[in-house]
Amino acid sequence: MKGSEIMSVQPFVLRPDQHEPALNVVGTQVTALASNAATQSFEITLQQGEDATGPPPHRHD
């Protein structure tokens, strides 16, 4: 990503009623707060669940 592309992303704030419902991922509720489309490079999530639940360590290309 070029420096000029980074500067083109505008700051934003989502109210709780503006994001998609949480997904249940192996026992953990995962809510996308900022998609890679909105940030143009990464995703920010809120994850809630009991200890030892949720997806194992992994990556996405």
PDB file of N, CA and C in Angstrom:
ATOM      1  N   MET A   1       0.845  -1.167   0.000  1.00  0.00           N
ATOM      2  CA  MET A   1       0.000   0.000   0.000  1.00  0.00           C
ATOM      3  C   MET A   1       0.893   1.234   0.000  1.00  0.00           C
ATOM      4  N   LYS A   2       0.573   2.195  -0.806  1.00  0.00           N
ATOM      5  CA  LYS A   2       1.343   3.427  -0.909  1.00  0.00           C
ATOM      6  C   LYS A   2       0.910   4.405   0.172  1.00  0.00           C
ATOM      7  N   GLY A   3       1.797   5.308   0.557  1.00  0.00           N
ATOM      8  CA  GLY A   3       1.489   6.308   1.572  1.00  0.00           C
ATOM      9  C   GLY A   3       0.259   7.124   1.243  1.00  0.00           C
ATOM     10  N   SER A   4       0.076   7.474  -0.041  1.00  0.00           N
ATOM     11  CA  SER A   4      -1.090   8.274  -0.425  1.00  0.00           C
ATOM     12  C   SER A   4      -2.384   7.491  -0.242  1.00  0.00           C
ATOM     13  N   GLU A   5      -2.337   6.145  -0.388  1.00  0.00           N
ATOM     14  CA  GLU A   5      -3.531   5.330  -0.177  1.00  0.00           C
ATOM     15  C   GLU A   5      -3.904   5.297   1.297  1.00  0.00           C
ATOM     16  N   ILE A   6      -2.912   5.242   2.163  1.00  0.00           N
ATOM     17  CA  ILE A   6      -3.180   5.232   3.595  1.00  0.00           C
ATOM     18  C   ILE A   6      -3.884   6.516   3.999  1.00  0.00           C
ATOM     19  N   MET A   7      -3.460   7.623   3.471  1.00  0.00           N
ATOM     20  CA  MET A   7      -4.053   8.908   3.820  1.00  0.00           C
ATOM     21  C   MET A   7      -5.468   9.073   3.285  1.00  0.00           C
ATOM     22  N   SER A   8      -5.884   8.252   2.315  1.00  0.00           N
ATOM     23  CA  SER A   8      -7.216   8.407   1.746  1.00  0.00           C
ATOM     24  C   SER A   8      -8.306   7.763   2.600  1.00  0.00           C
ATOM     25  N   VAL A   9      -7.941   6.973   3.603  1.00  0.00           N
ATOM     26  CA  VAL A   9      -8.926   6.346   4.486  1.00  0.00           C
ATOM     27  C   VAL A   9      -9.399   7.393   5.488  1.00  0.00           C
ATOM     28  N   GLN A  10     -10.711   7.573   5.555  1.00  0.00           N
ATOM     29  CA  GLN A  10     -11.286   8.553   6.458  1.00  0.00           C
ATOM     30  C   GLN A  10     -11.638   7.908   7.799  1.00  0.00           C
ATOM     31  N   PRO A  11     -11.409   8.593   8.911  1.00  0.00           N
ATOM     32  CA  PRO A  11     -11.794   8.056  10.211  1.00  0.00           C
ATOM     33  C   PRO A  11     -13.311   7.851  10.272  1.00  0.00           C
ATOM     34  N   PHE A  12     -13.750   6.879  11.047  1.00  0.00           N
ATOM     35  CA  PHE A  12     -15.184   6.658  11.205  1.00  0.00           C
ATOM     36  C   PHE A  12     -15.455   6.039  12.567  1.00  0.00           C
ATOM     37  N   VAL A  13     -16.661   6.186  13.029  1.00  0.00           N
ATOM     38  CA  VAL A  13     -17.111   5.607  14.284  1.00  0.00           C
ATOM     39  C   VAL A  13     -18.416   4.888  14.008  1.00  0.00           C
ATOM     40  N   LEU A  14     -18.539   3.659  14.503  1.00  0.00           N
ATOM     41  CA  LEU A  14     -19.776   2.900  14.350  1.00  0.00           C
ATOM     42  C   LEU A  14     -20.526   2.873  15.671  1.00  0.00           C
ATOM     43  N   ARG A  15     -21.812   3.189  15.612  1.00  0.00           N
ATOM     44  CA  ARG A  15     -22.675   2.996  16.775  1.00  0.00           C
ATOM     45  C   ARG A  15     -23.024   1.511  16.851  1.00  0.00           C
ATOM     46  N   PRO A  16     -23.411   1.012  18.025  1.00  0.00           N
ATOM     47  CA  PRO A  16     -23.763  -0.415  18.147  1.00  0.00           C
ATOM     48  C   PRO A  16     -24.833  -0.864  17.156  1.00  0.00           C
ATOM     49  N   ASP A  17     -25.731   0.022  16.746  1.00  0.00           N
ATOM     50  CA  ASP A  17     -26.788  -0.364  15.800  1.00  0.00           C
ATOM     51  C   ASP A  17     -26.319  -0.343  14.341  1.00  0.00           C
ATOM     52  N   GLN A  18     -25.053  -0.010  14.098  1.00  0.00           N
ATOM     53  CA  GLN A  18     -24.555   0.090  12.730  1.00  0.00           C
ATOM     54  C   GLN A  18     -23.691  -1.086  12.290  1.00  0.00           C
ATOM     55  N   HIS A  19     -23.291  -1.963  13.185  1.00  0.00           N
ATOM     56  CA  HIS A  19     -22.465  -3.082  12.750  1.00  0.00           C
ATOM     57  C   HIS A  19     -23.304  -4.341  12.629  1.00  0.00           C
ATOM     58  N   GLU A  20     -22.770  -5.297  11.909  1.00  0.00           N
ATOM     59  CA  GLU A  20     -23.459  -6.565  11.701  1.00  0.00           C
ATOM     60  C   GLU A  20     -23.525  -7.344  13.018  1.00  0.00           C
ATOM     61  N   PRO A  21     -24.507  -8.234  13.160  1.00  0.00           N
ATOM     62  CA  PRO A  21     -24.573  -9.063  14.369  1.00  0.00           C
ATOM     63  C   PRO A  21     -23.311  -9.920  14.513  1.00  0.00           C
ATOM     64  N   ALA A  22     -23.012 -10.288  15.741  1.00  0.00           N
ATOM     65  CA  ALA A  22     -21.837 -11.123  16.013  1.00  0.00           C
ATOM     66  C   ALA A  22     -21.997 -12.497  15.374  1.00  0.00           C
ATOM     67  N   LEU A  23     -20.886 -13.063  14.961  1.00  0.00           N
ATOM     68  CA  LEU A  23     -20.842 -14.430  14.439  1.00  0.00           C
ATOM     69  C   LEU A  23     -20.366 -15.343  15.566  1.00  0.00           C
ATOM     70  N   ASN A  24     -20.910 -16.547  15.647  1.00  0.00           N
ATOM     71  CA  ASN A  24     -20.444 -17.527  16.616  1.00  0.00           C
ATOM     72  C   ASN A  24     -19.344 -18.339  15.942  1.00  0.00           C
ATOM     73  N   VAL A  25     -18.103 -18.143  16.399  1.00  0.00           N
ATOM     74  CA  VAL A  25     -16.955 -18.838  15.825  1.00  0.00           C
ATOM     75  C   VAL A  25     -16.375 -19.762  16.900  1.00  0.00           C
ATOM     76  N   VAL A  26     -16.715 -21.021  16.832  1.00  0.00           N
ATOM     77  CA  VAL A  26     -16.240 -22.035  17.763  1.00  0.00           C
ATOM     78  C   VAL A  26     -16.446 -21.587  19.218  1.00  0.00           C
ATOM     79  N   GLY A  27     -17.636 -21.072  19.518  1.00  0.00           N
ATOM     80  CA  GLY A  27     -17.980 -20.688  20.879  1.00  0.00           C
ATOM     81  C   GLY A  27     -17.648 -19.266  21.276  1.00  0.00           C
ATOM     82  N   THR A  28     -17.072 -18.483  20.392  1.00  0.00           N
ATOM     83  CA  THR A  28     -16.746 -17.089  20.673  1.00  0.00           C
ATOM     84  C   THR A  28     -17.584 -16.197  19.764  1.00  0.00           C
ATOM     85  N   GLN A  29     -18.179 -15.154  20.348  1.00  0.00           N
ATOM     86  CA  GLN A  29     -18.939 -14.185  19.562  1.00  0.00           C
ATOM     87  C   GLN A  29     -17.960 -13.174  18.965  1.00  0.00           C
ATOM     88  N   VAL A  30     -17.912 -13.082  17.640  1.00  0.00           N
ATOM     89  CA  VAL A  30     -16.976 -12.202  16.942  1.00  0.00           C
ATOM     90  C   VAL A  30     -17.775 -11.141  16.189  1.00  0.00           C
ATOM     91  N   THR A  31     -17.552  -9.878  16.544  1.00  0.00           N
ATOM     92  CA  THR A  31     -18.229  -8.756  15.899  1.00  0.00           C
ATOM     93  C   THR A  31     -17.196  -7.956  15.115  1.00  0.00           C
ATOM     94  N   ALA A  32     -17.430  -7.776  13.820  1.00  0.00           N
ATOM     95  CA  ALA A  32     -16.538  -6.945  12.996  1.00  0.00           C
ATOM     96  C   ALA A  32     -16.885  -5.484  13.238  1.00  0.00           C
ATOM     97  N   LEU A  33     -15.934  -4.744  13.785  1.00  0.00           N
ATOM     98  CA  LEU A  33     -16.147  -3.321  14.047  1.00  0.00           C
ATOM     99  C   LEU A  33     -15.641  -2.452  12.905  1.00  0.00           C
ATOM    100  N   ALA A  34     -14.632  -2.928  12.202  1.00  0.00           N
ATOM    101  CA  ALA A  34     -14.100  -2.223  11.037  1.00  0.00           C
ATOM    102  C   ALA A  34     -13.632  -3.281  10.050  1.00  0.00           C
ATOM    103  N   SER A  35     -14.242  -3.297   8.884  1.00  0.00           N
ATOM    104  CA  SER A  35     -13.884  -4.301   7.880  1.00  0.00           C
ATOM    105  C   SER A  35     -12.626  -3.899   7.137  1.00  0.00           C
ATOM    106  N   ASN A  36     -12.029  -4.865   6.476  1.00  0.00           N
ATOM    107  CA  ASN A  36     -10.844  -4.557   5.661  1.00  0.00           C
ATOM    108  C   ASN A  36     -11.236  -3.645   4.508  1.00  0.00           C
ATOM    109  N   ALA A  37     -12.483  -3.705   4.055  1.00  0.00           N
ATOM    110  CA  ALA A  37     -12.938  -2.790   3.001  1.00  0.00           C
ATOM    111  C   ALA A  37     -12.973  -1.351   3.521  1.00  0.00           C
ATOM    112  N   ALA A  38     -13.390  -1.169   4.778  1.00  0.00           N
ATOM    113  CA  ALA A  38     -13.462   0.181   5.346  1.00  0.00           C
ATOM    114  C   ALA A  38     -12.087   0.750   5.659  1.00  0.00           C
ATOM    115  N   THR A  39     -11.150  -0.108   6.108  1.00  0.00           N
ATOM    116  CA  THR A  39      -9.820   0.381   6.487  1.00  0.00           C
ATOM    117  C   THR A  39      -8.819   0.299   5.349  1.00  0.00           C
ATOM    118  N   GLN A  40      -9.124  -0.468   4.335  1.00  0.00           N
ATOM    119  CA  GLN A  40      -8.281  -0.707   3.172  1.00  0.00           C
ATOM    120  C   GLN A  40      -7.022  -1.517   3.491  1.00  0.00           C
ATOM    121  N   SER A  41      -6.987  -2.213   4.645  1.00  0.00           N
ATOM    122  CA  SER A  41      -5.838  -3.092   4.878  1.00  0.00           C
ATOM    123  C   SER A  41      -6.013  -4.095   6.010  1.00  0.00           C
ATOM    124  N   PHE A  42      -6.884  -3.880   6.969  1.00  0.00           N
ATOM    125  CA  PHE A  42      -7.012  -4.807   8.086  1.00  0.00           C
ATOM    126  C   PHE A  42      -8.435  -4.792   8.616  1.00  0.00           C
ATOM    127  N   GLU A  43      -8.726  -5.688   9.559  1.00  0.00           N
ATOM    128  CA  GLU A  43     -10.050  -5.754  10.159  1.00  0.00           C
ATOM    129  C   GLU A  43      -9.917  -5.661  11.673  1.00  0.00           C
ATOM    130  N   ILE A  44     -10.833  -4.954  12.296  1.00  0.00           N
ATOM    131  CA  ILE A  44     -10.859  -4.845  13.751  1.00  0.00           C
ATOM    132  C   ILE A  44     -12.098  -5.573  14.246  1.00  0.00           C
ATOM    133  N   THR A  45     -11.907  -6.483  15.199  1.00  0.00           N
ATOM    134  CA  THR A  45     -13.030  -7.262  15.716  1.00  0.00           C
ATOM    135  C   THR A  45     -13.095  -7.164  17.228  1.00  0.00           C
ATOM    136  N   LEU A  46     -14.295  -7.387  17.753  1.00  0.00           N
ATOM    137  CA  LEU A  46     -14.530  -7.546  19.179  1.00  0.00           C
ATOM    138  C   LEU A  46     -14.865  -9.009  19.376  1.00  0.00           C
ATOM    139  N   GLN A  47     -14.130  -9.673  20.247  1.00  0.00           N
ATOM    140  CA  GLN A  47     -14.357 -11.096  20.484  1.00  0.00           C
ATOM    141  C   GLN A  47     -14.710 -11.312  21.941  1.00  0.00           C
ATOM    142  N   GLN A  48     -15.831 -12.023  22.175  1.00  0.00           N
ATOM    143  CA  GLN A  48     -16.298 -12.293  23.523  1.00  0.00           C
ATOM    144  C   GLN A  48     -16.602 -13.768  23.665  1.00  0.00           C
ATOM    145  N   GLY A  49     -16.064 -14.378  24.723  1.00  0.00           N
ATOM    146  CA  GLY A  49     -16.322 -15.783  24.964  1.00  0.00           C
ATOM    147  C   GLY A  49     -15.584 -16.275  26.186  1.00  0.00           C
ATOM    148  N   GLU A  50     -15.844 -17.507  26.518  1.00  0.00           N
ATOM    149  CA  GLU A  50     -15.185 -18.139  27.661  1.00  0.00           C
ATOM    150  C   GLU A  50     -13.738 -18.477  27.300  1.00  0.00           C
ATOM    151  N   ASP A  51     -12.911 -18.648  28.329  1.00  0.00           N
ATOM    152  CA  ASP A  51     -11.532 -19.094  28.114  1.00  0.00           C
ATOM    153  C   ASP A  51     -11.533 -20.403  27.336  1.00  0.00           C
ATOM    154  N   ALA A  52     -10.558 -20.582  26.491  1.00  0.00           N
ATOM    155  CA  ALA A  52     -10.349 -21.799  25.699  1.00  0.00           C
ATOM    156  C   ALA A  52     -11.420 -22.009  24.630  1.00  0.00           C
ATOM    157  N   THR A  53     -12.149 -20.955  24.242  1.00  0.00           N
ATOM    158  CA  THR A  53     -13.079 -21.049  23.122  1.00  0.00           C
ATOM    159  C   THR A  53     -12.566 -20.179  21.987  1.00  0.00           C
ATOM    160  N   GLY A  54     -13.183 -20.296  20.852  1.00  0.00           N
ATOM    161  CA  GLY A  54     -12.814 -19.448  19.718  1.00  0.00           C
ATOM    162  C   GLY A  54     -11.891 -20.157  18.750  1.00  0.00           C
ATOM    163  N   PRO A  55     -11.585 -19.472  17.665  1.00  0.00           N
ATOM    164  CA  PRO A  55     -10.750 -20.089  16.640  1.00  0.00           C
ATOM    165  C   PRO A  55      -9.312 -20.267  17.123  1.00  0.00           C
ATOM    166  N   PRO A  56      -8.653 -21.301  16.619  1.00  0.00           N
ATOM    167  CA  PRO A  56      -7.239 -21.480  16.965  1.00  0.00           C
ATOM    168  C   PRO A  56      -6.397 -20.411  16.244  1.00  0.00           C
ATOM    169  N   PRO A  57      -5.140 -20.239  16.615  1.00  0.00           N
ATOM    170  CA  PRO A  57      -4.289 -19.288  15.886  1.00  0.00           C
ATOM    171  C   PRO A  57      -4.311 -19.607  14.383  1.00  0.00           C
ATOM    172  N   HIS A  58      -4.488 -18.579  13.583  1.00  0.00           N
ATOM    173  CA  HIS A  58      -4.536 -18.755  12.139  1.00  0.00           C
ATOM    174  C   HIS A  58      -4.304 -17.412  11.471  1.00  0.00           C
ATOM    175  N   ARG A  59      -4.275 -17.394  10.139  1.00  0.00           N
ATOM    176  CA  ARG A  59      -4.119 -16.139   9.378  1.00  0.00           C
ATOM    177  C   ARG A  59      -4.981 -16.170   8.146  1.00  0.00           C
ATOM    178  N   HIS A  60      -5.197 -15.010   7.596  1.00  0.00           N
ATOM    179  CA  HIS A  60      -5.954 -14.877   6.335  1.00  0.00           C
ATOM    180  C   HIS A  60      -5.079 -14.101   5.355  1.00  0.00           C
ATOM    181  N   ASP A  61      -4.997 -14.584   4.148  1.00  0.00           N
ATOM    182  CA  ASP A  61      -4.229 -13.854   3.125  1.00  0.00           C
ATOM    183  C   ASP A  61      -5.007 -12.660   2.630  1.00  0.00           C
TER     184      ASP A  61
END
